[in-house]
Amino acid sequence: MALGIGVWVAFYLVGHRGIDPVAEGIAAFTALISFGFGAYVLIRRVRRGPQH
């Protein structure tokens, strides 16, 4: 789910290049956090199995 949110926000940023720089920074930070959390969960599940 987190990876999907990160992808959605990234596509939103690509499509809306003229938005306020502060809003763009907040969205980019949100995408970065979502990608990071999604990668963490994915790597943890691959290494430890689905029960952890």
Protein backbone atom coordinates (compact mmCIF):
# COMPACT_ATOMS: atom_id res chain seq x y z
CA MET A 1 0.00 0.00 0.00
CA ALA A 2 2.81 2.40 0.88
CA LEU A 3 4.54 1.76 -2.43
CA GLY A 4 1.28 2.49 -4.25
CA ILE A 5 0.86 5.78 -2.41
CA GLY A 6 4.45 6.71 -3.24
CA VAL A 7 3.89 5.97 -6.92
CA TRP A 8 0.62 7.92 -6.96
CA VAL A 9 2.23 10.99 -5.36
CA ALA A 10 5.20 10.80 -7.75
CA PHE A 11 2.87 10.68 -10.78
CA TYR A 12 0.90 13.58 -9.32
CA LEU A 13 4.08 15.64 -9.04
CA VAL A 14 5.07 14.86 -12.62
CA GLY A 15 1.65 15.93 -13.88
CA HIS A 16 1.42 19.11 -11.80
CA ARG A 17 4.75 20.87 -12.23
CA GLY A 18 3.34 24.36 -11.61
CA ILE A 19 2.22 23.90 -8.00
CA ASP A 20 3.49 25.87 -5.03
CA PRO A 21 7.12 24.95 -4.16
CA VAL A 22 6.21 24.27 -0.52
CA ALA A 23 3.40 21.91 -1.54
CA GLU A 24 5.75 20.23 -4.02
CA GLY A 25 8.33 19.71 -1.27
CA ILE A 26 5.75 18.26 1.10
CA ALA A 27 4.50 15.88 -1.61
CA ALA A 28 8.04 14.82 -2.52
CA PHE A 29 8.80 14.15 1.16
CA THR A 30 5.59 12.12 1.44
CA ALA A 31 6.56 10.04 -1.61
CA LEU A 32 10.06 9.48 -0.20
CA ILE A 33 8.71 8.36 3.19
CA SER A 34 6.16 6.07 1.51
CA PHE A 35 8.81 4.46 -0.71
CA GLY A 36 11.11 4.01 2.29
CA PHE A 37 8.46 2.41 4.46
CA GLY A 38 7.24 0.19 1.63
CA ALA A 39 10.78 -0.97 0.86
CA TYR A 40 11.39 -1.67 4.56
CA VAL A 41 8.27 -3.83 4.85
CA LEU A 42 8.97 -5.64 1.57
CA ILE A 43 12.58 -6.44 2.52
CA ARG A 44 11.54 -7.53 6.01
CA ARG A 45 8.90 -9.88 4.60
CA VAL A 46 11.32 -11.37 2.07
CA ARG A 47 13.98 -11.98 4.72
CA ARG A 48 11.81 -13.17 7.64
CA GLY A 49 8.73 -14.57 5.96
CA PRO A 50 5.11 -13.43 5.97
CA GLN A 51 4.48 -14.18 9.66
CA HIS A 52 6.88 -11.50 11.02
